[in-house]
C-alpha atoms as a PDB file:
ATOM      1  CA  MET A   1     -32.606 132.144-155.095  1.00  0.00           C
ATOM      2  CA  THR A   2     -33.101 132.450-151.165  1.00  0.00           C
ATOM      3  CA  ARG A   3     -34.741 135.984-150.343  1.00  0.00           C
ATOM      4  CA  ASN A   4     -34.838 137.290-146.483  1.00  0.00           C
ATOM      5  CA  LYS A   5     -38.076 139.058-147.894  1.00  0.00           C
ATOM      6  CA  PRO A   6     -40.446 137.676-150.481  1.00  0.00           C
ATOM      7  CA  VAL A   7     -41.305 139.093-153.870  1.00  0.00           C
ATOM      8  CA  VAL A   8     -44.994 139.608-154.789  1.00  0.00           C
ATOM      9  CA  ALA A   9     -45.905 139.285-157.927  1.00  0.00           C
ATOM     10  CA  ILE A  10     -49.713 141.231-158.462  1.00  0.00           C
ATOM     11  CA  ASP A  11     -50.288 140.742-162.061  1.00  0.00           C
ATOM     12  CA  GLY A  12     -54.171 141.555-164.038  1.00  0.00           C
ATOM     13  CA  PRO A  13     -55.945 143.368-166.473  1.00  0.00           C
ATOM     14  CA  ALA A  14     -55.977 147.343-166.598  1.00  0.00           C
ATOM     15  CA  ALA A  15     -58.119 149.118-164.145  1.00  0.00           C
ATOM     16  CA  SER A  16     -58.246 145.853-162.130  1.00  0.00           C
ATOM     17  CA  GLY A  17     -57.127 147.927-158.896  1.00  0.00           C
ATOM     18  CA  LYS A  18     -53.209 146.482-159.175  1.00  0.00           C
ATOM     19  CA  SER A  19     -51.350 149.960-158.709  1.00  0.00           C
ATOM     20  CA  THR A  20     -53.870 151.163-155.732  1.00  0.00           C
ATOM     21  CA  THR A  21     -53.538 147.584-153.862  1.00  0.00           C
ATOM     22  CA  ALA A  22     -49.869 146.769-154.767  1.00  0.00           C
ATOM     23  CA  ARG A  23     -49.022 150.401-153.518  1.00  0.00           C
ATOM     24  CA  MET A  24     -50.667 150.009-150.204  1.00  0.00           C
ATOM     25  CA  VAL A  25     -49.859 146.283-149.664  1.00  0.00           C
ATOM     26  CA  ALA A  26     -45.932 147.941-150.041  1.00  0.00           C
ATOM     27  CA  ARG A  27     -46.634 150.468-147.727  1.00  0.00           C
ATOM     28  CA  ARG A  28     -48.263 148.288-145.122  1.00  0.00           C
ATOM     29  CA  LEU A  29     -45.540 145.861-145.138  1.00  0.00           C
ATOM     30  CA  GLY A  30     -42.693 148.745-145.401  1.00  0.00           C
ATOM     31  CA  TYR A  31     -42.000 147.177-149.251  1.00  0.00           C
ATOM     32  CA  LEU A  32     -40.783 148.715-152.399  1.00  0.00           C
ATOM     33  CA  TRP A  33     -43.513 149.254-154.754  1.00  0.00           C
ATOM     34  CA  VAL A  34     -42.406 148.792-158.164  1.00  0.00           C
ATOM     35  CA  ASP A  35     -45.122 149.728-160.899  1.00  0.00           C
ATOM     36  CA  THR A  36     -43.913 148.138-163.860  1.00  0.00           C
ATOM     37  CA  GLY A  37     -46.773 149.661-166.305  1.00  0.00           C
ATOM     38  CA  ALA A  38     -45.501 152.821-165.204  1.00  0.00           C
ATOM     39  CA  MET A  39     -42.205 152.062-166.533  1.00  0.00           C
ATOM     40  CA  TYR A  40     -43.811 151.224-169.968  1.00  0.00           C
ATOM     41  CA  ARG A  41     -46.032 154.093-170.132  1.00  0.00           C
ATOM     42  CA  ALA A  42     -42.894 156.535-169.720  1.00  0.00           C
ATOM     43  CA  LEU A  43     -41.380 155.124-172.681  1.00  0.00           C
ATOM     44  CA  ALA A  44     -44.727 155.457-174.640  1.00  0.00           C
ATOM     45  CA  LEU A  45     -44.658 158.837-173.920  1.00  0.00           C
ATOM     46  CA  LYS A  46     -41.342 159.184-175.661  1.00  0.00           C
ATOM     47  CA  ALA A  47     -42.423 157.650-178.398  1.00  0.00           C
ATOM     48  CA  LEU A  48     -45.783 159.625-178.495  1.00  0.00           C
ATOM     49  CA  ARG A  49     -43.580 163.200-178.196  1.00  0.00           C
ATOM     50  CA  GLU A  50     -40.859 162.072-181.062  1.00  0.00           C
ATOM     51  CA  GLY A  51     -43.863 161.025-183.114  1.00  0.00           C
ATOM     52  CA  ILE A  52     -42.473 157.358-183.667  1.00  0.00           C
ATOM     53  CA  ARG A  53     -45.115 155.472-185.525  1.00  0.00           C
ATOM     54  CA  PRO A  54     -46.293 152.130-184.801  1.00  0.00           C
ATOM     55  CA  ASP A  55     -44.314 150.370-187.587  1.00  0.00           C
ATOM     56  CA  ASP A  56     -41.448 152.008-187.152  1.00  0.00           C
ATOM     57  CA  ARG A  57     -39.413 149.460-185.834  1.00  0.00           C
ATOM     58  CA  GLU A  58     -35.625 150.770-185.562  1.00  0.00           C
ATOM     59  CA  ARG A  59     -36.308 153.716-184.488  1.00  0.00           C
ATOM     60  CA  LEU A  60     -38.064 152.772-181.444  1.00  0.00           C
ATOM     61  CA  LYS A  61     -35.208 150.557-180.922  1.00  0.00           C
ATOM     62  CA  GLU A  62     -32.515 153.875-180.968  1.00  0.00           C
ATOM     63  CA  THR A  63     -35.081 155.569-178.995  1.00  0.00           C
ATOM     64  CA  VAL A  64     -35.560 153.138-176.022  1.00  0.00           C
ATOM     65  CA  ASP A  65     -31.339 152.650-176.091  1.00  0.00           C
ATOM     66  CA  ARG A  66     -30.884 156.087-175.418  1.00  0.00           C
ATOM     67  CA  THR A  67     -33.938 156.653-172.804  1.00  0.00           C
ATOM     68  CA  ASP A  68     -33.704 156.517-168.773  1.00  0.00           C
ATOM     69  CA  VAL A  69     -36.729 155.558-166.928  1.00  0.00           C
ATOM     70  CA  TYR A  70     -36.617 155.025-163.672  1.00  0.00           C
ATOM     71  CA  LEU A  71     -38.531 155.336-160.354  1.00  0.00           C
ATOM     72  CA  GLU A  72     -38.392 157.015-156.741  1.00  0.00           C
ATOM     73  CA  GLU A  73     -40.490 157.392-153.531  1.00  0.00           C
ATOM     74  CA  ARG A  74     -41.052 161.035-152.464  1.00  0.00           C
ATOM     75  CA  ASP A  75     -43.428 162.429-149.855  1.00  0.00           C
ATOM     76  CA  GLY A  76     -45.164 159.105-149.300  1.00  0.00           C
ATOM     77  CA  GLY A  77     -45.672 158.402-153.132  1.00  0.00           C
ATOM     78  CA  LEU A  78     -43.879 156.885-156.330  1.00  0.00           C
ATOM     79  CA  ARG A  79     -42.888 159.158-158.885  1.00  0.00           C
ATOM     80  CA  VAL A  80     -41.635 158.468-162.617  1.00  0.00           C
ATOM     81  CA  PHE A  81     -38.872 160.051-164.055  1.00  0.00           C
ATOM     82  CA  LEU A  82     -38.097 159.946-167.944  1.00  0.00           C
ATOM     83  CA  ASP A  83     -34.597 161.245-168.592  1.00  0.00           C
ATOM     84  CA  GLY A  84     -34.360 163.195-165.491  1.00  0.00           C
ATOM     85  CA  GLU A  85     -38.180 164.173-166.197  1.00  0.00           C
ATOM     86  CA  ASP A  86     -41.175 163.871-163.514  1.00  0.00           C
ATOM     87  CA  VAL A  87     -43.792 162.618-166.049  1.00  0.00           C
ATOM     88  CA  THR A  88     -46.165 160.540-163.128  1.00  0.00           C
ATOM     89  CA  GLU A  89     -48.833 162.555-164.318  1.00  0.00           C
ATOM     90  CA  ALA A  90     -48.421 162.636-168.078  1.00  0.00           C
ATOM     91  CA  ILE A  91     -48.121 159.108-168.544  1.00  0.00           C
ATOM     92  CA  ARG A  92     -51.741 158.763-167.527  1.00  0.00           C
ATOM     93  CA  SER A  93     -53.487 160.133-170.786  1.00  0.00           C
ATOM     94  CA  PRO A  94     -55.689 158.542-172.944  1.00  0.00           C
ATOM     95  CA  GLU A  95     -52.709 159.050-175.594  1.00  0.00           C
ATOM     96  CA  VAL A  96     -50.477 156.998-173.837  1.00  0.00           C
ATOM     97  CA  THR A  97     -52.447 154.558-172.756  1.00  0.00           C
ATOM     98  CA  ARG A  98     -53.801 153.895-176.218  1.00  0.00           C
ATOM     99  CA  ALA A  99     -49.782 153.994-177.386  1.00  0.00           C
ATOM    100  CA  VAL A 100     -48.706 151.497-174.786  1.00  0.00           C
ATOM    101  CA  SER A 101     -50.199 148.487-176.504  1.00  0.00           C
ATOM    102  CA  TRP A 102     -48.029 148.681-179.434  1.00  0.00           C
ATOM    103  CA  VAL A 103     -45.235 149.758-177.633  1.00  0.00           C
ATOM    104  CA  CYS A 104     -45.439 146.950-175.478  1.00  0.00           C
ATOM    105  CA  THR A 105     -45.221 144.216-178.467  1.00  0.00           C
ATOM    106  CA  PHE A 106     -41.336 144.869-179.432  1.00  0.00           C
ATOM    107  CA  PRO A 107     -39.503 142.183-177.413  1.00  0.00           C
ATOM    108  CA  PHE A 108     -36.673 144.983-177.335  1.00  0.00           C
ATOM    109  CA  VAL A 109     -38.766 147.244-175.343  1.00  0.00           C
ATOM    110  CA  ARG A 110     -39.912 144.299-172.954  1.00  0.00           C
ATOM    111  CA  GLN A 111     -36.066 142.886-172.264  1.00  0.00           C
ATOM    112  CA  ALA A 112     -34.564 146.405-171.895  1.00  0.00           C
ATOM    113  CA  MET A 113     -37.735 147.084-168.860  1.00  0.00           C
ATOM    114  CA  MET A 114     -37.283 143.286-167.575  1.00  0.00           C
ATOM    115  CA  ARG A 115     -33.485 144.245-167.067  1.00  0.00           C
ATOM    116  CA  LEU A 116     -34.276 146.803-164.535  1.00  0.00           C
ATOM    117  CA  GLN A 117     -37.178 145.347-163.153  1.00  0.00           C
ATOM    118  CA  ARG A 118     -35.298 141.913-162.201  1.00  0.00           C
ATOM    119  CA  GLU A 119     -32.665 144.000-160.466  1.00  0.00           C
ATOM    120  CA  MET A 120     -35.169 145.996-158.239  1.00  0.00           C
ATOM    121  CA  ALA A 121     -36.571 142.260-157.755  1.00  0.00           C
ATOM    122  CA  CYS A 122     -33.316 140.709-156.530  1.00  0.00           C
ATOM    123  CA  GLY A 123     -33.556 141.310-152.874  1.00  0.00           C
ATOM    124  CA  GLY A 124     -36.898 140.913-152.272  1.00  0.00           C
ATOM    125  CA  GLY A 125     -38.872 143.016-150.164  1.00  0.00           C
ATOM    126  CA  VAL A 126     -40.990 144.299-153.188  1.00  0.00           C
ATOM    127  CA  VAL A 127     -44.286 144.206-154.866  1.00  0.00           C
ATOM    128  CA  MET A 128     -44.276 143.949-158.250  1.00  0.00           C
ATOM    129  CA  GLU A 129     -47.564 144.651-160.298  1.00  0.00           C
ATOM    130  CA  GLY A 130     -47.979 144.598-164.149  1.00  0.00           C
ATOM    131  CA  ARG A 131     -49.034 141.827-166.927  1.00  0.00           C
ATOM    132  CA  ASP A 132     -46.891 139.234-166.527  1.00  0.00           C
ATOM    133  CA  ILE A 133     -44.913 139.700-163.923  1.00  0.00           C
ATOM    134  CA  GLY A 134     -45.367 135.763-162.268  1.00  0.00           C
ATOM    135  CA  THR A 135     -45.078 134.606-165.491  1.00  0.00           C
ATOM    136  CA  VAL A 136     -41.812 136.430-166.937  1.00  0.00           C
ATOM    137  CA  VAL A 137     -40.415 138.586-164.833  1.00  0.00           C
ATOM    138  CA  VAL A 138     -40.163 137.202-161.924  1.00  0.00           C
ATOM    139  CA  PRO A 139     -41.373 133.620-162.100  1.00  0.00           C
ATOM    140  CA  ASP A 140     -39.735 132.272-159.183  1.00  0.00           C
ATOM    141  CA  ALA A 141     -41.920 135.043-157.018  1.00  0.00           C
ATOM    142  CA  GLU A 142     -42.798 133.611-153.598  1.00  0.00           C
ATOM    143  CA  VAL A 143     -46.641 135.021-153.437  1.00  0.00           C
ATOM    144  CA  LYS A 144     -48.485 135.630-156.902  1.00  0.00           C
ATOM    145  CA  VAL A 145     -51.773 136.960-157.161  1.00  0.00           C
ATOM    146  CA  PHE A 146     -53.708 137.579-160.318  1.00  0.00           C
ATOM    147  CA  LEU A 147     -56.151 140.629-159.591  1.00  0.00           C
ATOM    148  CA  ASP A 148     -59.683 140.655-161.872  1.00  0.00           C
ATOM    149  CA  ALA A 149     -62.851 142.375-162.055  1.00  0.00           C
ATOM    150  CA  ASP A 150     -65.725 142.387-164.374  1.00  0.00           C
ATOM    151  CA  ILE A 151     -64.835 144.761-167.253  1.00  0.00           C
ATOM    152  CA  LYS A 152     -67.992 147.112-166.739  1.00  0.00           C
ATOM    153  CA  GLU A 153     -66.557 147.463-163.766  1.00  0.00           C
ATOM    154  CA  ARG A 154     -62.813 148.411-164.395  1.00  0.00           C
ATOM    155  CA  ALA A 155     -64.817 150.619-166.791  1.00  0.00           C
ATOM    156  CA  ARG A 156     -66.256 152.868-164.488  1.00  0.00           C
ATOM    157  CA  ARG A 157     -63.542 153.023-162.106  1.00  0.00           C
ATOM    158  CA  ARG A 158     -61.011 154.411-165.310  1.00  0.00           C
ATOM    159  CA  TRP A 159     -63.381 156.387-166.203  1.00  0.00           C
ATOM    160  CA  LYS A 160     -63.858 157.984-162.730  1.00  0.00           C
ATOM    161  CA  GLU A 161     -59.790 158.509-162.525  1.00  0.00           C
ATOM    162  CA  LEU A 162     -59.876 160.120-165.594  1.00  0.00           C
ATOM    163  CA  GLY A 163     -62.715 162.607-164.865  1.00  0.00           C
ATOM    164  CA  GLU A 164     -60.739 163.269-161.533  1.00  0.00           C
ATOM    165  CA  ARG A 165     -57.972 164.499-163.636  1.00  0.00           C
ATOM    166  CA  GLY A 166     -60.084 166.455-165.194  1.00  0.00           C
ATOM    167  CA  VAL A 167     -59.873 164.372-168.644  1.00  0.00           C
ATOM    168  CA  ASN A 168     -63.834 164.515-170.519  1.00  0.00           C
ATOM    169  CA  VAL A 169     -64.359 161.148-171.817  1.00  0.00           C
ATOM    170  CA  SER A 170     -67.386 158.821-172.164  1.00  0.00           C
ATOM    171  CA  LEU A 171     -68.077 155.759-170.248  1.00  0.00           C
ATOM    172  CA  GLU A 172     -68.601 153.875-173.299  1.00  0.00           C
ATOM    173  CA  GLU A 173     -65.504 154.779-175.030  1.00  0.00           C
ATOM    174  CA  VAL A 174     -63.685 153.743-171.837  1.00  0.00           C
ATOM    175  CA  GLU A 175     -65.107 150.457-171.852  1.00  0.00           C
ATOM    176  CA  ARG A 176     -64.125 149.905-175.306  1.00  0.00           C
ATOM    177  CA  GLU A 177     -60.470 150.970-174.993  1.00  0.00           C
ATOM    178  CA  LEU A 178     -60.209 148.576-171.915  1.00  0.00           C
ATOM    179  CA  ALA A 179     -62.100 145.464-174.065  1.00  0.00           C
ATOM    180  CA  GLU A 180     -59.544 146.542-176.965  1.00  0.00           C
ATOM    181  CA  ARG A 181     -56.563 146.796-174.310  1.00  0.00           C
ATOM    182  CA  ASP A 182     -57.485 143.236-173.013  1.00  0.00           C
ATOM    183  CA  ARG A 183     -57.811 141.761-176.546  1.00  0.00           C
ATOM    184  CA  LYS A 184     -54.399 143.059-177.549  1.00  0.00           C
ATOM    185  CA  ASP A 185     -52.807 142.184-174.097  1.00  0.00           C
ATOM    186  CA  ALA A 186     -54.049 138.442-174.487  1.00  0.00           C
ATOM    187  CA  GLU A 187     -52.962 138.163-178.078  1.00  0.00           C
ATOM    188  CA  ARG A 188     -49.583 139.520-178.370  1.00  0.00           C
ATOM    189  CA  GLU A 189     -46.692 137.242-179.142  1.00  0.00           C
ATOM    190  CA  HIS A 190     -44.477 138.397-176.168  1.00  0.00           C
ATOM    191  CA  ALA A 191     -44.979 137.953-172.648  1.00  0.00           C
ATOM    192  CA  PRO A 192     -49.038 137.711-173.277  1.00  0.00           C
ATOM    193  CA  LEU A 193     -51.254 138.223-170.032  1.00  0.00           C
ATOM    194  CA  ARG A 194     -52.230 135.111-168.319  1.00  0.00           C
ATOM    195  CA  ARG A 195     -52.097 134.093-164.994  1.00  0.00           C
ATOM    196  CA  ALA A 196     -49.321 132.395-163.382  1.00  0.00           C
ATOM    197  CA  PRO A 197     -50.384 128.569-162.738  1.00  0.00           C
ATOM    198  CA  ASP A 198     -50.087 129.042-158.969  1.00  0.00           C
ATOM    199  CA  ALA A 199     -51.202 132.297-158.841  1.00  0.00           C
ATOM    200  CA  ILE A 200     -54.094 133.084-156.214  1.00  0.00           C
ATOM    201  CA  VAL A 201     -56.521 135.023-158.202  1.00  0.00           C
ATOM    202  CA  VAL A 202     -58.598 137.834-156.357  1.00  0.00           C
ATOM    203  CA  ASP A 203     -61.345 138.964-158.010  1.00  0.00           C
ATOM    204  CA  THR A 204     -62.281 142.989-156.834  1.00  0.00           C
ATOM    205  CA  THR A 205     -65.390 143.631-158.796  1.00  0.00           C
ATOM    206  CA  ASP A 206     -67.160 143.874-155.332  1.00  0.00           C
ATOM    207  CA  LEU A 207     -64.101 144.317-152.911  1.00  0.00           C
ATOM    208  CA  SER A 208     -63.354 147.629-151.718  1.00  0.00           C
ATOM    209  CA  ILE A 209     -59.604 148.425-152.052  1.00  0.00           C
ATOM    210  CA  ASP A 210     -59.143 147.805-148.184  1.00  0.00           C
ATOM    211  CA  GLU A 211     -60.983 144.259-148.879  1.00  0.00           C
ATOM    212  CA  GLN A 212     -58.307 143.749-151.505  1.00  0.00           C
ATOM    213  CA  VAL A 213     -55.202 144.766-149.451  1.00  0.00           C
ATOM    214  CA  ASP A 214     -55.827 142.837-146.391  1.00  0.00           C
ATOM    215  CA  ARG A 215     -56.574 139.663-148.272  1.00  0.00           C
ATOM    216  CA  ILE A 216     -53.035 140.193-150.093  1.00  0.00           C
ATOM    217  CA  VAL A 217     -51.345 141.018-146.774  1.00  0.00           C
ATOM    218  CA  GLN A 218     -53.017 138.107-145.226  1.00  0.00           C
ATOM    219  CA  MET A 219     -51.447 135.678-148.071  1.00  0.00           C
ATOM    220  CA  ILE A 220     -48.021 137.418-147.589  1.00  0.00           C
ATOM    221  CA  LYS A 221     -48.307 136.822-143.597  1.00  0.00           C
ATOM    222  CA  ALA A 222     -49.226 132.943-144.131  1.00  0.00           C
ATOM    223  CA  TYR A 223     -46.345 132.622-146.476  1.00  0.00           C
ATOM    224  CA  ILE A 224     -44.379 133.809-144.183  1.00  0.00           C
ATOM    225  CA  ASP A 225     -45.033 132.286-141.159  1.00  0.00           C
ATOM    226  CA  ARG A 226     -44.977 128.909-143.429  1.00  0.00           C
ATOM    227  CA  LYS A 227     -40.922 129.853-143.818  1.00  0.00           C
ATOM    228  CA  THR A 228     -40.409 130.190-140.179  1.00  0.00           C
END
């Protein structure tokens, strides 16, 4: 498929800086930012609200079929809507973080979200971030980046983020949950977390957000220069 503007796929483990970096890259280039993880979190939030157990496949499938998740840019930020309700803050709770791992294991969940994500990417000019964008969702993305960082640094970032939202949790607990999340993401049967062979790895352990953004913007501009 020939696009006038590239699709930028940013993958990586939790707390590697994907969301903030993707948002700033999109803003700098005037592209659309698509936070795919937020879409899955919205489904996980609904599953929790409805009391669905991790082994209740049929009930979860019925819930997914009648659930509407969409993203909107408002007042310079991305808002996440679940059945018309703004859940942008609600989906960031530790409970949702734990639930999203098992919700994502079901193929019908991923298929439903993938259809929406591919529609968003179809025309190009988007920055999509998640865990399988460059490998599964948009394998023909023109620019692929895999962000990574030391788990202790990722845990520190997530712990700081939770503290700023008033969530009281220890740094050790955050690191344990991230390690478990990494294991589940890497071992899941459908669309496991892995780096696309043609993705460029950016280790963000010792990088500031601005440095991360600068590197990726340079990659995108280099691609556009080569194309033209």
